[in-house]
Protein backbone atom coordinates (compact mmCIF):
# COMPACT_ATOMS: atom_id res chain seq x y z
CA MET A 1 7.04 -22.93 0.84
CA LYS A 2 9.98 -20.90 -0.43
CA PHE A 3 9.42 -17.30 -1.47
CA LEU A 4 11.73 -14.85 -3.21
CA PHE A 5 10.74 -11.21 -2.71
CA ILE A 6 12.17 -8.67 -5.17
CA ASP A 7 11.05 -5.40 -3.61
CA CYS A 8 12.06 -2.38 -5.70
CA GLY A 9 11.28 0.26 -3.08
CA GLY A 10 11.76 -1.56 0.21
CA LEU A 11 8.19 -0.77 1.21
CA HIS A 12 7.21 -4.40 1.79
CA VAL A 13 9.67 -5.62 4.39
CA ASP A 14 6.75 -6.31 6.73
CA THR A 15 4.82 -8.22 4.04
CA ALA A 16 7.84 -10.49 3.52
CA ARG A 17 8.27 -10.80 7.28
CA GLN A 18 4.65 -11.90 7.69
CA LEU A 19 5.31 -14.86 5.41
CA GLY A 20 8.33 -15.74 7.52
CA LYS A 21 6.15 -15.62 10.65
CA GLU A 22 3.78 -18.07 8.96
CA GLY A 23 6.64 -20.56 8.69
CA HIS A 24 7.64 -20.01 5.06
CA GLU A 25 11.23 -19.60 3.92
CA VAL A 26 11.67 -16.05 2.62
CA ASN A 27 14.61 -14.61 0.70
CA TYR A 28 14.30 -10.84 0.42
CA HIS A 29 16.10 -8.65 -2.10
CA MET A 30 15.97 -4.90 -2.67
CA PRO A 31 17.85 -3.50 -5.69
CA TRP A 32 20.81 -1.51 -4.38
CA VAL A 33 23.48 -1.45 -7.10
CA SER A 34 24.93 1.87 -8.24
CA ALA A 35 28.34 3.22 -9.16
CA TYR A 36 28.75 4.31 -5.55
CA PRO A 37 26.57 1.98 -3.42
CA LYS A 38 25.12 3.39 -0.24
CA PHE A 39 24.28 1.23 2.76
CA GLU A 40 20.78 2.68 3.13
CA MET A 41 19.88 1.24 -0.29
CA PHE A 42 20.63 -2.24 1.03
CA ALA A 43 19.61 -1.89 4.68
CA PRO A 44 15.81 -2.51 4.54
CA GLY A 45 15.16 -6.07 5.70
CA LEU A 46 18.55 -6.51 7.36
CA GLY A 47 18.64 -8.12 10.81
CA ILE A 48 15.09 -9.50 10.66
CA LYS A 49 15.18 -13.12 11.82
CA GLU A 50 12.05 -14.15 9.89
CA ILE A 51 13.60 -13.35 6.50
CA ASN A 52 16.92 -13.88 4.77
CA LYS A 53 18.28 -10.65 3.28
CA VAL A 54 20.19 -11.35 0.05
CA LEU A 55 22.56 -9.22 -2.00
CA ASP A 56 21.74 -10.96 -5.29
CA TYR A 57 18.43 -12.63 -6.12
CA GLY A 58 19.84 -14.73 -8.97
CA PRO A 59 20.84 -17.83 -6.96
CA TYR A 60 17.37 -18.08 -5.42
CA ILE A 61 15.19 -17.98 -8.54
CA ASP A 62 15.10 -21.67 -9.43
CA ASP A 63 14.59 -22.77 -5.83
CA ALA A 64 11.60 -20.48 -5.17
CA ASP A 65 8.04 -21.79 -5.14
CA VAL A 66 6.92 -18.21 -5.78
CA ILE A 67 8.75 -15.07 -6.90
CA VAL A 68 7.00 -12.00 -5.52
CA PHE A 69 7.14 -8.52 -7.08
CA PRO A 70 5.11 -6.42 -4.61
CA ASP A 71 5.88 -3.18 -6.48
CA ILE A 72 6.27 -2.07 -10.07
CA GLY A 73 9.50 -1.40 -11.93
CA MET A 74 10.52 -4.89 -13.07
CA GLY A 75 7.43 -5.92 -15.01
CA LYS A 76 9.24 -7.32 -18.04
CA LEU A 77 11.46 -9.45 -15.81
CA ALA A 78 8.36 -10.76 -14.01
CA HIS A 79 6.73 -11.52 -17.37
CA TRP A 80 9.86 -13.33 -18.63
CA LEU A 81 10.13 -15.43 -15.46
CA ARG A 82 6.44 -16.35 -15.66
CA GLY A 83 6.83 -17.30 -19.31
CA ASN A 84 9.73 -19.57 -18.39
CA GLY A 85 7.76 -21.66 -15.95
CA HIS A 86 8.17 -19.79 -12.66
CA ASN A 87 5.25 -18.98 -10.38
CA VAL A 88 5.23 -15.19 -10.21
CA PHE A 89 3.09 -12.85 -8.13
CA GLY A 90 3.08 -9.41 -9.72
CA ALA A 91 1.72 -7.25 -12.51
CA GLY A 92 4.18 -8.30 -15.20
CA LEU A 93 3.43 -6.46 -18.44
CA GLY A 94 0.30 -5.06 -16.80
CA GLU A 95 2.36 -2.48 -14.93
CA GLU A 96 2.26 -0.35 -18.09
CA MET A 97 -1.22 0.73 -17.01
CA GLU A 98 0.33 2.58 -14.08
CA ASN A 99 3.59 3.62 -15.71
CA ASP A 100 2.08 4.86 -18.98
CA ARG A 101 -1.03 6.91 -18.30
CA MET A 102 -1.80 7.57 -21.96
CA LYS A 103 -1.68 3.83 -22.58
CA SER A 104 -4.20 3.37 -19.76
CA VAL A 105 -6.49 5.98 -21.35
CA GLU A 106 -6.25 4.20 -24.71
CA VAL A 107 -7.08 0.84 -23.11
CA MET A 108 -9.98 2.29 -21.11
CA ASN A 109 -11.45 3.94 -24.20
CA LYS A 110 -11.20 0.62 -26.03
CA LEU A 111 -12.80 -1.29 -23.14
CA GLY A 112 -15.55 1.27 -22.59
CA ILE A 113 -14.39 2.35 -19.12
CA LYS A 114 -15.16 6.04 -18.60
CA CYS A 115 -12.24 8.33 -17.78
CA PRO A 116 -11.68 12.12 -17.83
CA LYS A 117 -10.95 13.93 -21.09
CA THR A 118 -7.21 13.69 -21.54
CA VAL A 119 -4.55 15.37 -23.66
CA VAL A 120 -0.81 14.78 -23.63
CA ALA A 121 1.96 17.26 -24.26
CA THR A 122 5.65 16.56 -24.82
CA GLY A 123 7.83 18.74 -22.61
CA LEU A 124 7.02 21.70 -20.39
CA THR A 125 6.96 24.33 -23.15
CA GLU A 126 4.26 22.47 -25.06
CA ALA A 127 2.44 21.72 -21.81
CA LEU A 128 2.44 25.40 -20.82
CA ASN A 129 1.07 26.42 -24.22
CA THR A 130 -1.62 23.74 -23.93
CA MET A 131 -2.61 24.93 -20.46
CA LYS A 132 -2.82 28.54 -21.66
CA LYS A 133 -5.28 27.45 -24.34
CA LEU A 134 -7.30 25.41 -21.85
CA PHE A 135 -7.46 28.27 -19.38
CA GLY A 136 -8.17 30.74 -22.18
CA VAL A 137 -5.36 33.09 -21.18
CA GLN A 138 -5.38 36.17 -23.42
CA GLU A 139 -2.99 39.06 -23.72
CA THR A 140 -5.33 40.93 -21.38
CA ASN A 141 -4.75 38.12 -18.85
CA GLN A 142 -8.44 37.24 -18.81
CA LYS A 143 -9.08 33.60 -17.96
CA SER A 144 -11.88 31.15 -18.45
CA GLY A 145 -12.95 28.76 -15.72
CA GLY A 146 -11.68 25.21 -15.51
CA SER A 147 -9.95 22.69 -13.33
CA TYR A 148 -7.40 20.10 -14.40
CA PHE A 149 -5.05 17.46 -13.06
CA ILE A 150 -1.51 17.32 -14.39
CA LYS A 151 0.20 13.93 -14.19
CA PHE A 152 3.52 12.33 -15.09
CA ASN A 153 4.64 8.80 -15.91
CA ILE A 154 6.98 6.79 -13.66
CA TRP A 155 9.00 9.61 -12.05
CA ARG A 156 6.64 10.39 -9.18
CA GLY A 157 9.60 11.01 -6.88
CA SER A 158 10.48 14.10 -8.91
CA LEU A 159 6.96 15.53 -9.09
CA GLU A 160 3.66 13.98 -8.08
CA SER A 161 0.38 14.64 -9.86
CA PHE A 162 -1.16 17.96 -8.92
CA PRO A 163 -4.43 19.86 -9.45
CA ALA A 164 -4.39 23.14 -11.34
CA LYS A 165 -7.03 25.84 -11.37
CA SER A 166 -4.89 28.66 -12.71
CA MET A 167 -1.77 29.36 -14.75
CA GLU A 168 -0.12 30.69 -11.59
CA GLN A 169 -0.36 27.22 -10.03
CA VAL A 170 0.93 25.57 -13.20
CA ASN A 171 3.94 27.90 -13.47
CA PHE A 172 4.83 27.43 -9.80
CA MET A 173 4.79 23.62 -9.99
CA PHE A 174 6.60 23.50 -13.34
CA ASP A 175 9.41 25.70 -11.97
CA SER A 176 10.22 23.04 -9.38
CA LEU A 177 10.20 20.38 -12.09
CA ARG A 178 12.80 22.25 -14.14
CA SER A 179 15.32 22.04 -11.30
CA SER A 180 14.68 18.35 -10.59
CA MET A 181 14.54 17.00 -14.16
CA GLY A 182 17.10 19.17 -15.97
CA PRO A 183 17.03 19.12 -19.80
CA TYR A 184 14.60 16.17 -19.79
CA VAL A 185 11.82 18.65 -19.00
CA GLU A 186 11.42 19.27 -22.74
CA GLN A 187 10.99 15.55 -23.44
CA ILE A 188 8.87 14.37 -20.51
CA PRO A 189 5.26 13.42 -21.35
CA VAL A 190 2.84 15.67 -19.48
CA ILE A 191 -0.68 14.25 -19.11
CA ILE A 192 -3.46 16.80 -18.63
CA GLN A 193 -6.88 15.59 -17.51
CA GLU A 194 -10.07 17.54 -17.06
CA ALA A 195 -11.32 17.39 -13.47
CA ILE A 196 -14.58 15.51 -12.86
CA GLU A 197 -17.04 16.62 -10.19
CA GLY A 198 -17.97 13.88 -7.74
CA ILE A 199 -16.66 11.67 -4.94
CA GLU A 200 -13.22 10.08 -5.19
CA THR A 201 -13.30 6.41 -4.29
CA GLY A 202 -11.88 3.13 -5.53
CA ALA A 203 -11.32 -0.57 -4.93
CA ASP A 204 -8.40 -2.81 -3.99
CA LEU A 205 -8.46 -6.36 -5.27
CA PHE A 206 -6.41 -9.36 -6.40
CA PHE A 207 -6.45 -10.94 -9.87
CA ASN A 208 -5.47 -14.59 -10.40
CA GLY A 209 -4.92 -14.51 -14.16
CA GLU A 210 -8.57 -15.14 -14.94
CA THR A 211 -10.76 -13.25 -12.49
CA PHE A 212 -10.90 -10.93 -9.50
CA LEU A 213 -11.03 -12.60 -6.09
CA TYR A 214 -13.43 -11.75 -3.27
CA PRO A 215 -14.00 -10.47 -0.69
CA ALA A 216 -12.13 -7.36 -1.78
CA MET A 217 -11.93 -3.84 -0.43
CA TRP A 218 -13.57 -0.62 -1.55
CA GLY A 219 -13.21 2.62 0.26
CA PHE A 220 -11.82 6.11 0.55
CA GLU A 221 -8.36 7.58 0.97
CA TYR A 222 -7.98 10.70 3.08
CA GLY A 223 -4.44 11.99 2.77
CA GLY A 224 -2.32 8.91 3.41
CA ASN A 225 -5.03 7.31 5.53
CA TYR A 226 -7.59 4.77 4.35
CA THR A 227 -11.06 3.58 5.37
CA GLY A 228 -12.24 0.46 3.56
CA LEU A 229 -15.03 -2.11 3.59
CA MET A 230 -14.15 -5.71 2.79
CA THR A 231 -17.00 -6.95 0.63
CA SER A 232 -18.02 -9.31 -2.16
CA ASP A 233 -20.44 -6.71 -3.55
CA MET A 234 -18.78 -4.32 -5.98
CA THR A 235 -22.11 -3.06 -7.31
CA ILE A 236 -21.09 0.42 -8.49
CA PHE A 237 -17.85 -0.93 -10.01
CA LYS A 238 -18.90 -4.37 -11.28
CA GLU A 239 -19.37 -3.56 -14.97
CA ASP A 240 -16.09 -1.66 -15.13
CA LEU A 241 -14.23 -4.45 -13.30
CA ASP A 242 -15.55 -6.97 -15.80
CA LYS A 243 -14.15 -4.78 -18.58
CA ALA A 244 -10.80 -4.34 -16.80
CA ALA A 245 -10.57 -8.12 -16.35
CA THR A 246 -10.51 -8.50 -20.14
CA TYR A 247 -7.28 -6.52 -20.31
CA LEU A 248 -5.72 -8.15 -17.22
CA LYS A 249 -6.32 -11.62 -18.67
CA SER A 250 -4.63 -10.58 -21.91
CA VAL A 251 -1.36 -9.84 -20.05
CA ASN A 252 -1.65 -12.80 -17.63
CA TYR A 253 -1.85 -10.44 -14.65
CA ARG A 254 -1.47 -12.21 -11.28
CA GLY A 255 -1.21 -9.95 -8.30
CA ALA A 256 -2.59 -7.01 -6.36
CA PHE A 257 -4.59 -4.44 -8.32
CA SER A 258 -6.30 -1.18 -7.37
CA PHE A 259 -7.97 1.71 -9.12
CA GLU A 260 -9.19 5.18 -8.18
CA CYS A 261 -12.17 6.85 -9.75
CA ILE A 262 -14.55 9.78 -9.46
CA PHE A 263 -18.16 8.68 -8.90
CA ASP A 264 -20.71 11.31 -9.95
CA GLY A 265 -23.79 9.49 -8.67
CA LYS A 266 -24.28 7.56 -11.87
CA ASP A 267 -20.97 6.69 -13.49
CA SER A 268 -17.40 6.05 -12.37
CA TYR A 269 -14.58 7.88 -14.16
CA TRP A 270 -11.32 5.99 -13.62
CA ILE A 271 -8.39 8.30 -12.93
CA ASP A 272 -5.56 5.92 -11.92
CA TRP A 273 -4.61 2.25 -12.08
CA THR A 274 -2.36 0.85 -9.32
CA CYS A 275 -0.65 -2.35 -10.49
CA ARG A 276 0.96 -3.38 -7.20
CA PHE A 277 0.22 -3.47 -3.50
CA PRO A 278 -1.40 -0.08 -2.80
CA MET A 279 0.31 1.97 -0.12
CA PRO A 280 -0.11 2.45 2.73
CA LEU A 281 -3.31 0.41 2.74
CA GLY A 282 -1.49 -2.61 1.32
CA LEU A 283 -0.03 -3.05 4.80
CA LEU A 284 -3.50 -4.10 5.95
CA TYR A 285 -3.15 -7.44 4.18
CA SER A 286 -0.40 -8.69 6.53
CA SER A 287 -2.54 -7.93 9.58
CA PHE A 288 -5.85 -9.42 8.44
CA SER A 289 -5.06 -12.48 6.31
CA ASN A 290 -5.71 -14.98 9.14
CA GLY A 291 -2.18 -16.38 8.89
CA LYS A 292 -2.74 -17.42 5.28
CA LEU A 293 -1.02 -14.64 3.34
CA GLY A 294 1.75 -16.88 1.97
CA GLU A 295 -0.71 -19.55 0.90
CA PHE A 296 -2.85 -16.90 -0.76
CA ILE A 297 0.05 -15.28 -2.64
CA TYR A 298 1.03 -18.73 -3.92
CA GLY A 299 -2.58 -19.31 -5.04
CA VAL A 300 -2.71 -16.03 -6.93
CA ALA A 301 0.62 -16.75 -8.66
CA THR A 302 -0.46 -20.24 -9.74
CA GLY A 303 -4.04 -19.24 -10.57
CA GLU A 304 -5.40 -21.70 -7.99
CA ALA A 305 -6.78 -19.13 -5.52
CA LYS A 306 -10.57 -18.87 -5.67
CA GLU A 307 -11.14 -16.37 -2.84
CA THR A 308 -9.20 -14.07 -0.54
CA PRO A 309 -8.44 -14.86 3.13
CA PHE A 310 -9.62 -11.46 4.34
CA PRO A 311 -12.64 -10.99 6.65
CA ASP A 312 -15.89 -10.40 4.75
CA ASN A 313 -18.14 -7.49 5.77
CA LYS A 314 -15.45 -5.98 8.01
CA TYR A 315 -14.24 -2.40 7.97
CA LEU A 316 -10.47 -2.07 7.67
CA GLY A 317 -8.50 1.10 8.20
CA CYS A 318 -4.91 2.26 8.20
CA LEU A 319 -3.49 5.39 9.76
CA GLU A 320 -0.29 6.74 8.17
CA ILE A 321 2.63 7.39 10.53
CA TYR A 322 5.27 9.87 9.48
CA SER A 323 8.19 11.77 10.95
CA ASP A 324 10.23 14.54 9.37
CA GLU A 325 13.26 13.05 11.13
CA ALA A 326 12.98 9.84 9.08
CA ILE A 327 14.65 11.46 6.08
CA LYS A 328 18.00 11.75 7.86
CA LYS A 329 17.99 9.46 10.92
CA TYR A 330 17.71 5.79 11.82
CA LEU A 331 14.66 6.09 14.07
CA PRO A 332 13.73 3.38 16.59
CA LEU A 333 10.21 2.15 15.83
CA HIS A 334 7.84 0.68 18.40
CA GLY A 335 4.18 -0.14 17.98
CA GLY A 336 1.39 -2.63 18.64
CA ASP A 337 0.78 -5.97 16.97
CA ASN A 338 -1.12 -4.36 14.08
CA THR A 339 1.31 -1.53 13.41
CA ARG A 340 3.29 -2.14 10.23
CA PHE A 341 6.50 -0.35 9.33
CA ILE A 342 8.21 0.13 5.95
CA ARG A 343 11.87 0.34 4.88
CA TYR A 344 13.21 -0.83 8.21
CA MET A 345 16.04 -2.97 9.52
CA MET A 346 16.46 -4.49 12.96
CA ASN A 347 19.09 -4.69 15.65
CA GLY A 348 18.03 -7.35 18.13
CA ASP A 349 14.35 -6.81 18.90
CA THR A 350 14.28 -3.14 17.87
CA ALA A 351 13.24 -1.97 14.41
CA TYR A 352 14.85 1.13 12.88
CA SER A 353 13.59 3.16 9.94
CA VAL A 354 16.15 3.48 7.16
CA PRO A 355 16.72 7.15 6.17
CA GLY A 356 17.06 8.82 2.82
CA VAL A 357 13.75 8.37 0.99
CA THR A 358 10.54 9.39 2.78
CA THR A 359 9.00 10.76 5.95
CA PHE A 360 6.44 7.94 5.81
CA VAL A 361 7.50 5.18 8.23
CA GLY A 362 4.46 2.92 8.52
CA ALA A 363 0.78 2.56 9.29
CA ILE A 364 -1.46 1.61 12.18
CA CYS A 365 -3.88 -1.07 10.97
CA ALA A 366 -7.25 -1.92 12.52
CA SER A 367 -10.61 -3.56 11.85
CA GLY A 368 -14.16 -3.23 13.15
CA ASP A 369 -17.75 -4.31 12.53
CA ASN A 370 -18.69 -0.66 12.01
CA LEU A 371 -16.97 2.68 11.62
CA GLN A 372 -17.14 3.51 15.31
CA GLN A 373 -15.44 0.22 16.22
CA LEU A 374 -12.82 0.86 13.56
CA HIS A 375 -12.13 4.32 14.95
CA ASP A 376 -11.84 2.98 18.51
CA ALA A 377 -9.47 0.22 17.39
CA ILE A 378 -7.26 2.80 15.65
CA ILE A 379 -7.09 4.87 18.84
CA GLU A 380 -6.27 1.80 20.95
CA GLU A 381 -3.45 0.77 18.62
CA GLU A 382 -2.13 4.34 18.42
CA GLU A 383 -1.63 4.38 22.19
CA LYS A 384 1.12 1.76 21.72
CA LEU A 385 2.99 3.82 19.16
CA ASP A 386 6.41 5.21 20.00
CA VAL A 387 8.22 6.87 17.09
CA TYR A 388 10.59 9.80 17.39
CA TYR A 389 8.46 12.86 16.56
CA GLY A 390 5.97 10.55 14.86
CA MET A 391 2.78 12.22 13.67
CA CYS A 392 -0.62 10.89 12.66
CA ASN A 393 -4.22 12.07 12.29
CA THR A 394 -6.35 9.87 14.55
CA ASN A 395 -9.48 11.74 13.51
CA PHE A 396 -9.30 10.65 9.88
CA ILE A 397 -12.34 8.35 10.00
CA HIS A 398 -14.49 11.25 11.18
CA ASP A 399 -13.06 13.35 8.34
CA THR A 400 -13.65 10.54 5.82
CA ILE A 401 -17.29 10.22 6.86
CA GLU A 402 -17.78 13.97 6.50
CA LYS A 403 -16.02 14.30 3.14
CA TYR A 404 -16.89 11.01 1.43
CA VAL A 405 -19.30 8.67 3.25
CA GLU A 406 -22.14 11.14 3.85
CA PRO A 407 -21.95 12.76 0.37
CA ILE A 408 -21.91 9.39 -1.46
CA LYS A 409 -24.82 8.25 0.70
CA LYS A 410 -26.83 11.15 -0.70
CA MET A 411 -26.07 9.70 -4.14
CA GLY A 412 -27.75 6.46 -3.08
CA VAL A 413 -24.65 4.45 -2.17
CA ASN A 414 -24.46 3.19 1.40
CA PHE A 415 -20.95 2.59 2.75
CA GLY A 416 -22.02 1.59 6.23
CA ASP A 417 -23.58 2.92 9.40
CA GLY A 418 -22.70 6.50 8.43
CA ALA A 419 -22.55 7.56 12.08
CA MET A 420 -20.34 10.53 12.84
CA VAL A 421 -17.25 9.43 14.76
CA GLU A 422 -16.18 12.05 17.26
CA SER A 423 -12.64 12.44 18.56
CA ALA A 424 -11.07 15.06 20.76
CA ARG A 425 -7.74 14.63 19.01
CA LYS A 426 -6.89 15.92 15.57
CA ILE A 427 -3.15 15.56 15.13
CA VAL A 428 -1.20 13.42 17.57
CA ILE A 429 2.50 14.09 18.06
CA LYS A 430 4.52 11.37 19.78
CA PRO A 431 7.82 12.90 20.93
CA SER A 432 10.58 10.48 21.89
CA GLN A 433 12.02 10.29 25.38
CA SER A 434 15.03 12.26 24.19
CA ARG A 435 15.99 15.51 25.90
CA ALA A 436 14.33 17.44 23.07
CA GLY A 437 11.18 15.39 23.52
CA GLN A 438 11.16 16.00 27.27
CA ILE A 439 11.56 19.76 26.74
CA LEU A 440 8.66 19.76 24.28
CA GLN A 441 6.48 17.89 26.76
CA GLN A 442 7.38 20.40 29.47
CA MET A 443 6.48 23.29 27.16
CA ILE A 444 3.12 21.67 26.37
CA SER A 445 2.44 21.21 30.09
CA VAL A 446 3.26 24.85 30.85
CA MET A 447 1.03 26.06 28.01
CA LYS A 448 -1.87 23.99 29.33
CA GLU A 449 -1.66 25.83 32.66
CA TYR A 450 -2.48 29.12 30.95
């Protein structure tokens, strides 16, 4: 089959490459146009033999069996193409549920999906006044208790969502926003949600225009790392997913879909919709689709898919890899068969991260029949990793069990074996074989002697 990938952020080079490895023809485009084009905005996907990197996606639209939008940002284009007879994998109009958080609250209230109490302010001045009222700040500087999350639409690169327990925290975070958003700070919608006590969890699924497909994944995110269980039993989420399906059908949604919620032991309070491949855990799909990812994406786009190709009753995990050097350097990237990189190009057989956007360079992916096996598989794959000053937390499954699995088990929800996974390593640093890396290794060796 012929696929056209239109990848707004360049995060899904490896997903496109997987389809090429399966024998499909893949044209890959990443938007790059500006008044002063920079090579790094075009570079992701370049030099990879399994895909064809294209400057302009226009000539490839009519020839494609499927047009894939793995990310958000071009939802109306996806909707228009789908309405004009093209098979499209992507959220389409449904991306508004991620881009417009107040819209998502309105839809959830209408559907009967619980979510935190939410207010919206226009601009930072109004938001600050609202927060002062919520915190009960008086002229005497006395404060009432309370905890909130402050969120923004679309522009997550300027300021991500953040928790706030005091006006000091709010003022500090808003100061940084003033410098990054300029005069727009008095127009930007600021969403303020009351914090809910409970366990943060969620599910990652696919929707074929009519229904969710199984097995699907539910699990826990710890930092940028993820521990999930592939299952056909979404017991604690089933009623809410049935309600969400009503909305997704109304916008002809066909693609990857995730949500995050707070589970308090009885109810789930949805806090975010993700209308795209979730990251970094979306990289798991290329590793564990049994060579049928392209066929599956086609089935989702056409509405013909009845189930997913992922292994039922398996634990899947991904370990985020990052390097501070990735912001400014083309870093050589080496890893095992289940290590997936993002925003990279290739020269010969060597992959290179493309600088300029993020310190996140990829994820180690693994599977297991239980959490201990998953942990061991992560460690085994990590041993093959070679990234210049790459860093990762190989102990994240142990941390996830401690913070999420054991507490939710006390609420009556069993995620798995629940056994504590022990590891001697907390943070692993993989210096390169550069002179600086050799010096660091020597320093570590000397320190160990003392």
